[in-house]
Amino acid sequence: MHTGSYGLMSADGPVQPTGQTAGLAQGAQGQTPGWPVWSGPVPPLADGFTVRPDTVPALETALMPGATVALVPDQEPTSAQDWRASNGKTQLARYFAESLWRSPGVDVLTWVVASSRASVLSGFVFAATATGAGDAGDAESVAARFTDWLSTTSRPWLVVLDDLRDAADLRGL
Protein backbone atom coordinates (compact mmCIF):
# COMPACT_ATOMS: atom_id res chain seq x y z
CA MET A 1 0.00 0.00 0.00
CA HIS A 2 1.31 3.42 -0.96
CA THR A 3 0.32 6.09 1.51
CA GLY A 4 1.34 9.64 2.11
CA SER A 5 0.10 13.15 2.63
CA TYR A 6 -0.66 13.97 -0.98
CA GLY A 7 -4.34 14.16 -0.08
CA LEU A 8 -5.37 11.66 -2.75
CA MET A 9 -6.56 8.11 -2.44
CA SER A 10 -4.04 5.35 -1.87
CA ALA A 11 -2.85 3.33 -4.82
CA ASP A 12 -2.73 -0.13 -3.35
CA GLY A 13 -2.84 -3.05 -5.71
CA PRO A 14 -3.06 -3.05 -9.47
CA VAL A 15 -5.51 -0.71 -11.14
CA GLN A 16 -8.58 -2.32 -12.58
CA PRO A 17 -9.84 0.28 -15.08
CA THR A 18 -13.56 0.26 -15.68
CA GLY A 19 -15.52 1.43 -18.68
CA GLN A 20 -13.58 2.12 -21.85
CA THR A 21 -10.03 0.79 -21.96
CA ALA A 22 -7.25 0.52 -24.48
CA GLY A 23 -8.52 -2.79 -25.83
CA LEU A 24 -12.15 -1.73 -26.07
CA ALA A 25 -12.19 1.29 -28.34
CA GLN A 26 -15.93 1.29 -29.00
CA GLY A 27 -15.75 4.79 -30.44
CA ALA A 28 -14.05 3.29 -33.48
CA GLN A 29 -17.12 1.15 -34.05
CA GLY A 30 -19.49 4.11 -33.99
CA GLN A 31 -20.81 3.30 -30.53
CA THR A 32 -20.93 5.59 -27.55
CA PRO A 33 -17.94 4.92 -25.31
CA GLY A 34 -18.45 3.64 -21.78
CA TRP A 35 -17.32 5.99 -19.06
CA PRO A 36 -14.85 6.37 -17.52
CA VAL A 37 -12.29 6.05 -20.32
CA TRP A 38 -8.68 5.00 -19.75
CA SER A 39 -6.39 5.10 -22.79
CA GLY A 40 -2.70 4.69 -23.27
CA PRO A 41 0.10 2.57 -21.87
CA VAL A 42 0.17 3.59 -18.20
CA PRO A 43 3.33 2.11 -16.67
CA PRO A 44 3.07 0.09 -13.46
CA LEU A 45 4.30 1.50 -10.18
CA ALA A 46 7.74 0.21 -9.30
CA ASP A 47 7.85 -2.45 -6.59
CA GLY A 48 9.82 -0.12 -4.34
CA PHE A 49 7.72 3.00 -4.97
CA THR A 50 6.99 5.02 -1.85
CA VAL A 51 5.20 8.31 -1.53
CA ARG A 52 7.53 11.09 -0.47
CA PRO A 53 5.55 14.30 0.06
CA ASP A 54 8.79 16.29 0.16
CA THR A 55 9.51 15.44 -3.50
CA VAL A 56 6.80 17.73 -4.87
CA PRO A 57 5.19 19.52 -1.94
CA ALA A 58 1.48 20.28 -2.38
CA LEU A 59 1.27 18.68 -5.83
CA GLU A 60 -2.39 17.83 -5.24
CA THR A 61 -3.21 21.53 -4.91
CA ALA A 62 -1.58 22.20 -8.28
CA LEU A 63 -3.76 19.55 -9.96
CA MET A 64 -6.79 21.79 -10.22
CA PRO A 65 -9.22 21.99 -13.16
CA GLY A 66 -7.62 23.92 -15.98
CA ALA A 67 -4.10 23.65 -14.59
CA THR A 68 -1.03 22.48 -16.45
CA VAL A 69 1.61 20.86 -14.28
CA ALA A 70 5.11 19.96 -15.48
CA LEU A 71 7.33 17.65 -13.47
CA VAL A 72 10.93 18.47 -14.32
CA PRO A 73 14.22 17.68 -12.56
CA ASP A 74 16.00 20.37 -10.53
CA GLN A 75 19.07 20.20 -12.74
CA GLU A 76 19.93 19.17 -16.27
CA PRO A 77 21.81 15.86 -16.46
CA THR A 78 25.48 16.31 -17.27
CA SER A 79 25.52 13.21 -19.46
CA ALA A 80 23.17 10.62 -20.89
CA GLN A 81 24.40 8.27 -18.15
CA ASP A 82 23.60 10.76 -15.36
CA TRP A 83 21.52 9.13 -12.61
CA ARG A 84 19.53 12.34 -12.06
CA ALA A 85 17.86 11.89 -15.45
CA SER A 86 15.90 9.07 -13.85
CA ASN A 87 14.37 10.75 -10.84
CA GLY A 88 10.84 9.36 -10.55
CA LYS A 89 8.78 11.86 -12.56
CA THR A 90 6.92 9.08 -14.38
CA GLN A 91 6.31 7.18 -11.15
CA LEU A 92 4.96 10.29 -9.42
CA ALA A 93 2.70 11.10 -12.39
CA ARG A 94 1.55 7.47 -12.42
CA TYR A 95 0.70 7.59 -8.72
CA PHE A 96 -1.34 10.77 -9.08
CA ALA A 97 -3.09 9.57 -12.23
CA GLU A 98 -4.17 6.37 -10.51
CA SER A 99 -5.23 8.27 -7.40
CA LEU A 100 -7.45 10.55 -9.47
CA TRP A 101 -8.81 7.56 -11.38
CA ARG A 102 -9.73 5.75 -8.17
CA SER A 103 -11.25 8.78 -6.45
CA PRO A 104 -13.14 9.02 -9.05
CA GLY A 105 -11.69 12.37 -10.02
CA VAL A 106 -11.55 11.93 -13.79
CA ASP A 107 -13.81 10.51 -16.48
CA VAL A 108 -10.99 10.43 -19.03
CA LEU A 109 -7.42 9.39 -18.24
CA THR A 110 -5.12 9.56 -21.24
CA TRP A 111 -1.49 8.53 -20.91
CA VAL A 112 0.65 9.50 -23.89
CA VAL A 113 4.28 8.55 -24.40
CA ALA A 114 5.43 11.91 -25.76
CA SER A 115 8.98 11.13 -26.84
CA SER A 116 8.32 12.33 -30.42
CA ARG A 117 5.67 14.13 -32.48
CA ALA A 118 4.60 10.82 -34.01
CA SER A 119 4.20 9.28 -30.57
CA VAL A 120 2.08 12.22 -29.34
CA LEU A 121 -0.14 12.03 -32.41
CA SER A 122 -0.54 8.28 -32.00
CA GLY A 123 -1.54 8.68 -28.34
CA PHE A 124 -4.04 11.42 -29.15
CA VAL A 125 -5.56 9.41 -32.02
CA PHE A 126 -5.95 6.43 -29.70
CA ALA A 127 -7.59 8.62 -27.05
CA ALA A 128 -9.88 10.27 -29.62
CA THR A 129 -11.07 6.86 -30.73
CA ALA A 130 -11.60 5.67 -27.16
CA THR A 131 -13.63 8.76 -26.21
CA GLY A 132 -15.67 8.86 -29.41
CA ALA A 133 -14.10 12.21 -30.31
CA GLY A 134 -13.35 10.99 -33.82
CA ASP A 135 -11.37 8.39 -35.65
CA ALA A 136 -11.59 9.49 -39.29
CA GLY A 137 -8.87 11.44 -41.04
CA ASP A 138 -5.12 11.76 -40.74
CA ALA A 139 -3.37 11.76 -37.38
CA GLU A 140 -2.98 15.55 -37.26
CA SER A 141 -6.70 16.20 -37.81
CA VAL A 142 -7.85 13.49 -35.38
CA ALA A 143 -5.43 14.75 -32.71
CA ALA A 144 -6.71 18.30 -33.26
CA ARG A 145 -10.31 17.10 -32.87
CA PHE A 146 -9.34 15.36 -29.64
CA THR A 147 -7.79 18.52 -28.18
CA ASP A 148 -10.86 20.48 -29.29
CA TRP A 149 -13.05 17.92 -27.56
CA LEU A 150 -10.97 18.28 -24.38
CA SER A 151 -11.46 22.04 -24.45
CA THR A 152 -15.25 21.77 -24.68
CA THR A 153 -16.20 18.67 -22.69
CA SER A 154 -17.69 19.01 -19.25
CA ARG A 155 -16.18 15.66 -18.25
CA PRO A 156 -13.15 15.90 -15.94
CA TRP A 157 -10.02 14.64 -17.68
CA LEU A 158 -6.31 14.16 -17.19
CA VAL A 159 -3.78 13.91 -20.00
CA VAL A 160 -0.28 12.83 -19.00
CA LEU A 161 2.46 13.52 -21.53
CA ASP A 162 5.18 11.19 -20.35
CA ASP A 163 8.78 11.66 -21.49
CA LEU A 164 8.15 14.93 -23.38
CA ARG A 165 11.54 15.82 -24.81
CA ASP A 166 10.68 18.73 -27.09
CA ALA A 167 7.76 21.10 -26.51
CA ALA A 168 7.71 21.70 -30.29
CA ASP A 169 6.20 18.22 -30.63
CA LEU A 170 3.00 19.69 -29.16
CA ARG A 171 2.79 22.60 -31.62
CA GLY A 172 -0.76 23.02 -32.89
CA LEU A 173 -2.20 20.69 -30.29
C-alpha atoms as a PDB file:
ATOM      1  CA  MET A   1       0.000   0.000   0.000  1.00  0.00           C
ATOM      2  CA  HIS A   2       1.308   3.421  -0.963  1.00  0.00           C
ATOM      3  CA  THR A   3       0.324   6.088   1.505  1.00  0.00           C
ATOM      4  CA  GLY A   4       1.337   9.639   2.108  1.00  0.00           C
ATOM      5  CA  SER A   5       0.096  13.146   2.629  1.00  0.00           C
ATOM      6  CA  TYR A   6      -0.658  13.971  -0.978  1.00  0.00           C
ATOM      7  CA  GLY A   7      -4.336  14.160  -0.085  1.00  0.00           C
ATOM      8  CA  LEU A   8      -5.373  11.665  -2.746  1.00  0.00           C
ATOM      9  CA  MET A   9      -6.561   8.106  -2.445  1.00  0.00           C
ATOM     10  CA  SER A  10      -4.043   5.354  -1.868  1.00  0.00           C
ATOM     11  CA  ALA A  11      -2.850   3.334  -4.820  1.00  0.00           C
ATOM     12  CA  ASP A  12      -2.728  -0.132  -3.354  1.00  0.00           C
ATOM     13  CA  GLY A  13      -2.837  -3.054  -5.715  1.00  0.00           C
ATOM     14  CA  PRO A  14      -3.065  -3.046  -9.474  1.00  0.00           C
ATOM     15  CA  VAL A  15      -5.514  -0.706 -11.137  1.00  0.00           C
ATOM     16  CA  GLN A  16      -8.585  -2.319 -12.584  1.00  0.00           C
ATOM     17  CA  PRO A  17      -9.844   0.283 -15.079  1.00  0.00           C
ATOM     18  CA  THR A  18     -13.564   0.262 -15.685  1.00  0.00           C
ATOM     19  CA  GLY A  19     -15.518   1.429 -18.684  1.00  0.00           C
ATOM     20  CA  GLN A  20     -13.582   2.117 -21.854  1.00  0.00           C
ATOM     21  CA  THR A  21     -10.025   0.787 -21.963  1.00  0.00           C
ATOM     22  CA  ALA A  22      -7.247   0.518 -24.484  1.00  0.00           C
ATOM     23  CA  GLY A  23      -8.515  -2.790 -25.828  1.00  0.00           C
ATOM     24  CA  LEU A  24     -12.147  -1.735 -26.072  1.00  0.00           C
ATOM     25  CA  ALA A  25     -12.186   1.293 -28.345  1.00  0.00           C
ATOM     26  CA  GLN A  26     -15.930   1.294 -29.001  1.00  0.00           C
ATOM     27  CA  GLY A  27     -15.748   4.791 -30.443  1.00  0.00           C
ATOM     28  CA  ALA A  28     -14.045   3.288 -33.483  1.00  0.00           C
ATOM     29  CA  GLN A  29     -17.123   1.149 -34.054  1.00  0.00           C
ATOM     30  CA  GLY A  30     -19.493   4.110 -33.991  1.00  0.00           C
ATOM     31  CA  GLN A  31     -20.813   3.298 -30.530  1.00  0.00           C
ATOM     32  CA  THR A  32     -20.929   5.592 -27.551  1.00  0.00           C
ATOM     33  CA  PRO A  33     -17.939   4.925 -25.311  1.00  0.00           C
ATOM     34  CA  GLY A  34     -18.448   3.640 -21.777  1.00  0.00           C
ATOM     35  CA  TRP A  35     -17.319   5.995 -19.058  1.00  0.00           C
ATOM     36  CA  PRO A  36     -14.846   6.367 -17.518  1.00  0.00           C
ATOM     37  CA  VAL A  37     -12.285   6.046 -20.321  1.00  0.00           C
ATOM     38  CA  TRP A  38      -8.676   5.002 -19.750  1.00  0.00           C
ATOM     39  CA  SER A  39      -6.387   5.102 -22.788  1.00  0.00           C
ATOM     40  CA  GLY A  40      -2.695   4.686 -23.272  1.00  0.00           C
ATOM     41  CA  PRO A  41       0.104   2.568 -21.867  1.00  0.00           C
ATOM     42  CA  VAL A  42       0.171   3.590 -18.200  1.00  0.00           C
ATOM     43  CA  PRO A  43       3.328   2.105 -16.670  1.00  0.00           C
ATOM     44  CA  PRO A  44       3.074   0.089 -13.458  1.00  0.00           C
ATOM     45  CA  LEU A  45       4.305   1.505 -10.185  1.00  0.00           C
ATOM     46  CA  ALA A  46       7.738   0.212  -9.298  1.00  0.00           C
ATOM     47  CA  ASP A  47       7.848  -2.447  -6.594  1.00  0.00           C
ATOM     48  CA  GLY A  48       9.820  -0.123  -4.343  1.00  0.00           C
ATOM     49  CA  PHE A  49       7.719   2.999  -4.970  1.00  0.00           C
ATOM     50  CA  THR A  50       6.994   5.024  -1.849  1.00  0.00           C
ATOM     51  CA  VAL A  51       5.199   8.310  -1.530  1.00  0.00           C
ATOM     52  CA  ARG A  52       7.531  11.089  -0.471  1.00  0.00           C
ATOM     53  CA  PRO A  53       5.550  14.298   0.056  1.00  0.00           C
ATOM     54  CA  ASP A  54       8.787  16.291   0.160  1.00  0.00           C
ATOM     55  CA  THR A  55       9.513  15.444  -3.497  1.00  0.00           C
ATOM     56  CA  VAL A  56       6.799  17.730  -4.872  1.00  0.00           C
ATOM     57  CA  PRO A  57       5.189  19.519  -1.936  1.00  0.00           C
ATOM     58  CA  ALA A  58       1.477  20.285  -2.376  1.00  0.00           C
ATOM     59  CA  LEU A  59       1.267  18.685  -5.828  1.00  0.00           C
ATOM     60  CA  GLU A  60      -2.386  17.826  -5.236  1.00  0.00           C
ATOM     61  CA  THR A  61      -3.212  21.535  -4.912  1.00  0.00           C
ATOM     62  CA  ALA A  62      -1.576  22.198  -8.280  1.00  0.00           C
ATOM     63  CA  LEU A  63      -3.758  19.555  -9.955  1.00  0.00           C
ATOM     64  CA  MET A  64      -6.792  21.788 -10.222  1.00  0.00           C
ATOM     65  CA  PRO A  65      -9.219  21.987 -13.161  1.00  0.00           C
ATOM     66  CA  GLY A  66      -7.618  23.925 -15.983  1.00  0.00           C
ATOM     67  CA  ALA A  67      -4.098  23.649 -14.588  1.00  0.00           C
ATOM     68  CA  THR A  68      -1.034  22.479 -16.452  1.00  0.00           C
ATOM     69  CA  VAL A  69       1.605  20.861 -14.284  1.00  0.00           C
ATOM     70  CA  ALA A  70       5.107  19.961 -15.482  1.00  0.00           C
ATOM     71  CA  LEU A  71       7.326  17.648 -13.475  1.00  0.00           C
ATOM     72  CA  VAL A  72      10.932  18.474 -14.320  1.00  0.00           C
ATOM     73  CA  PRO A  73      14.222  17.685 -12.558  1.00  0.00           C
ATOM     74  CA  ASP A  74      16.004  20.375 -10.533  1.00  0.00           C
ATOM     75  CA  GLN A  75      19.071  20.195 -12.744  1.00  0.00           C
ATOM     76  CA  GLU A  76      19.932  19.169 -16.267  1.00  0.00           C
ATOM     77  CA  PRO A  77      21.812  15.858 -16.463  1.00  0.00           C
ATOM     78  CA  THR A  78      25.480  16.314 -17.272  1.00  0.00           C
ATOM     79  CA  SER A  79      25.516  13.215 -19.465  1.00  0.00           C
ATOM     80  CA  ALA A  80      23.170  10.620 -20.887  1.00  0.00           C
ATOM     81  CA  GLN A  81      24.397   8.274 -18.147  1.00  0.00           C
ATOM     82  CA  ASP A  82      23.604  10.759 -15.365  1.00  0.00           C
ATOM     83  CA  TRP A  83      21.523   9.130 -12.608  1.00  0.00           C
ATOM     84  CA  ARG A  84      19.535  12.342 -12.061  1.00  0.00           C
ATOM     85  CA  ALA A  85      17.858  11.886 -15.448  1.00  0.00           C
ATOM     86  CA  SER A  86      15.902   9.069 -13.854  1.00  0.00           C
ATOM     87  CA  ASN A  87      14.368  10.754 -10.839  1.00  0.00           C
ATOM     88  CA  GLY A  88      10.842   9.356 -10.554  1.00  0.00           C
ATOM     89  CA  LYS A  89       8.780  11.857 -12.556  1.00  0.00           C
ATOM     90  CA  THR A  90       6.921   9.083 -14.377  1.00  0.00           C
ATOM     91  CA  GLN A  91       6.312   7.183 -11.152  1.00  0.00           C
ATOM     92  CA  LEU A  92       4.959  10.289  -9.423  1.00  0.00           C
ATOM     93  CA  ALA A  93       2.701  11.097 -12.390  1.00  0.00           C
ATOM     94  CA  ARG A  94       1.554   7.472 -12.424  1.00  0.00           C
ATOM     95  CA  TYR A  95       0.700   7.587  -8.724  1.00  0.00           C
ATOM     96  CA  PHE A  96      -1.340  10.765  -9.076  1.00  0.00           C
ATOM     97  CA  ALA A  97      -3.092   9.573 -12.225  1.00  0.00           C
ATOM     98  CA  GLU A  98      -4.166   6.372 -10.508  1.00  0.00           C
ATOM     99  CA  SER A  99      -5.233   8.269  -7.404  1.00  0.00           C
ATOM    100  CA  LEU A 100      -7.453  10.550  -9.466  1.00  0.00           C
ATOM    101  CA  TRP A 101      -8.814   7.556 -11.381  1.00  0.00           C
ATOM    102  CA  ARG A 102      -9.734   5.754  -8.170  1.00  0.00           C
ATOM    103  CA  SER A 103     -11.248   8.783  -6.446  1.00  0.00           C
ATOM    104  CA  PRO A 104     -13.137   9.022  -9.054  1.00  0.00           C
ATOM    105  CA  GLY A 105     -11.695  12.369 -10.025  1.00  0.00           C
ATOM    106  CA  VAL A 106     -11.552  11.934 -13.791  1.00  0.00           C
ATOM    107  CA  ASP A 107     -13.807  10.515 -16.483  1.00  0.00           C
ATOM    108  CA  VAL A 108     -10.986  10.425 -19.029  1.00  0.00           C
ATOM    109  CA  LEU A 109      -7.422   9.387 -18.237  1.00  0.00           C
ATOM    110  CA  THR A 110      -5.116   9.562 -21.236  1.00  0.00           C
ATOM    111  CA  TRP A 111      -1.487   8.531 -20.907  1.00  0.00           C
ATOM    112  CA  VAL A 112       0.651   9.502 -23.895  1.00  0.00           C
ATOM    113  CA  VAL A 113       4.280   8.547 -24.397  1.00  0.00           C
ATOM    114  CA  ALA A 114       5.430  11.908 -25.758  1.00  0.00           C
ATOM    115  CA  SER A 115       8.983  11.129 -26.839  1.00  0.00           C
ATOM    116  CA  SER A 116       8.316  12.329 -30.420  1.00  0.00           C
ATOM    117  CA  ARG A 117       5.670  14.129 -32.482  1.00  0.00           C
ATOM    118  CA  ALA A 118       4.598  10.817 -34.014  1.00  0.00           C
ATOM    119  CA  SER A 119       4.195   9.280 -30.565  1.00  0.00           C
ATOM    120  CA  VAL A 120       2.084  12.220 -29.342  1.00  0.00           C
ATOM    121  CA  LEU A 121      -0.142  12.028 -32.406  1.00  0.00           C
ATOM    122  CA  SER A 122      -0.536   8.282 -31.996  1.00  0.00           C
ATOM    123  CA  GLY A 123      -1.538   8.677 -28.342  1.00  0.00           C
ATOM    124  CA  PHE A 124      -4.038  11.420 -29.146  1.00  0.00           C
ATOM    125  CA  VAL A 125      -5.555   9.407 -32.015  1.00  0.00           C
ATOM    126  CA  PHE A 126      -5.952   6.431 -29.704  1.00  0.00           C
ATOM    127  CA  ALA A 127      -7.588   8.624 -27.049  1.00  0.00           C
ATOM    128  CA  ALA A 128      -9.876  10.271 -29.616  1.00  0.00           C
ATOM    129  CA  THR A 129     -11.072   6.864 -30.730  1.00  0.00           C
ATOM    130  CA  ALA A 130     -11.603   5.670 -27.161  1.00  0.00           C
ATOM    131  CA  THR A 131     -13.632   8.755 -26.209  1.00  0.00           C
ATOM    132  CA  GLY A 132     -15.666   8.862 -29.407  1.00  0.00           C
ATOM    133  CA  ALA A 133     -14.099  12.213 -30.309  1.00  0.00           C
ATOM    134  CA  GLY A 134     -13.351  10.993 -33.820  1.00  0.00           C
ATOM    135  CA  ASP A 135     -11.366   8.394 -35.646  1.00  0.00           C
ATOM    136  CA  ALA A 136     -11.590   9.488 -39.294  1.00  0.00           C
ATOM    137  CA  GLY A 137      -8.868  11.443 -41.037  1.00  0.00           C
ATOM    138  CA  ASP A 138      -5.123  11.761 -40.735  1.00  0.00           C
ATOM    139  CA  ALA A 139      -3.365  11.757 -37.376  1.00  0.00           C
ATOM    140  CA  GLU A 140      -2.978  15.546 -37.262  1.00  0.00           C
ATOM    141  CA  SER A 141      -6.696  16.200 -37.807  1.00  0.00           C
ATOM    142  CA  VAL A 142      -7.846  13.489 -35.383  1.00  0.00           C
ATOM    143  CA  ALA A 143      -5.426  14.752 -32.711  1.00  0.00           C
ATOM    144  CA  ALA A 144      -6.707  18.303 -33.263  1.00  0.00           C
ATOM    145  CA  ARG A 145     -10.307  17.104 -32.865  1.00  0.00           C
ATOM    146  CA  PHE A 146      -9.342  15.364 -29.636  1.00  0.00           C
ATOM    147  CA  THR A 147      -7.792  18.523 -28.182  1.00  0.00           C
ATOM    148  CA  ASP A 148     -10.865  20.483 -29.294  1.00  0.00           C
ATOM    149  CA  TRP A 149     -13.049  17.919 -27.557  1.00  0.00           C
ATOM    150  CA  LEU A 150     -10.972  18.280 -24.380  1.00  0.00           C
ATOM    151  CA  SER A 151     -11.462  22.043 -24.447  1.00  0.00           C
ATOM    152  CA  THR A 152     -15.249  21.767 -24.680  1.00  0.00           C
ATOM    153  CA  THR A 153     -16.204  18.668 -22.691  1.00  0.00           C
ATOM    154  CA  SER A 154     -17.692  19.008 -19.251  1.00  0.00           C
ATOM    155  CA  ARG A 155     -16.184  15.656 -18.250  1.00  0.00           C
ATOM    156  CA  PRO A 156     -13.146  15.903 -15.945  1.00  0.00           C
ATOM    157  CA  TRP A 157     -10.020  14.639 -17.676  1.00  0.00           C
ATOM    158  CA  LEU A 158      -6.306  14.162 -17.186  1.00  0.00           C
ATOM    159  CA  VAL A 159      -3.779  13.907 -19.996  1.00  0.00           C
ATOM    160  CA  VAL A 160      -0.283  12.829 -18.996  1.00  0.00           C
ATOM    161  CA  LEU A 161       2.457  13.524 -21.529  1.00  0.00           C
ATOM    162  CA  ASP A 162       5.176  11.190 -20.350  1.00  0.00           C
ATOM    163  CA  ASP A 163       8.779  11.658 -21.491  1.00  0.00           C
ATOM    164  CA  LEU A 164       8.153  14.926 -23.378  1.00  0.00           C
ATOM    165  CA  ARG A 165      11.537  15.816 -24.808  1.00  0.00           C
ATOM    166  CA  ASP A 166      10.685  18.726 -27.092  1.00  0.00           C
ATOM    167  CA  ALA A 167       7.762  21.100 -26.515  1.00  0.00           C
ATOM    168  CA  ALA A 168       7.706  21.703 -30.293  1.00  0.00           C
ATOM    169  CA  ASP A 169       6.197  18.218 -30.627  1.00  0.00           C
ATOM    170  CA  LEU A 170       2.995  19.693 -29.161  1.00  0.00           C
ATOM    171  CA  ARG A 171       2.791  22.600 -31.616  1.00  0.00           C
ATOM    172  CA  GLY A 172      -0.762  23.019 -32.886  1.00  0.00           C
ATOM    173  CA  LEU A 173      -2.204  20.691 -30.290  1.00  0.00           C
END
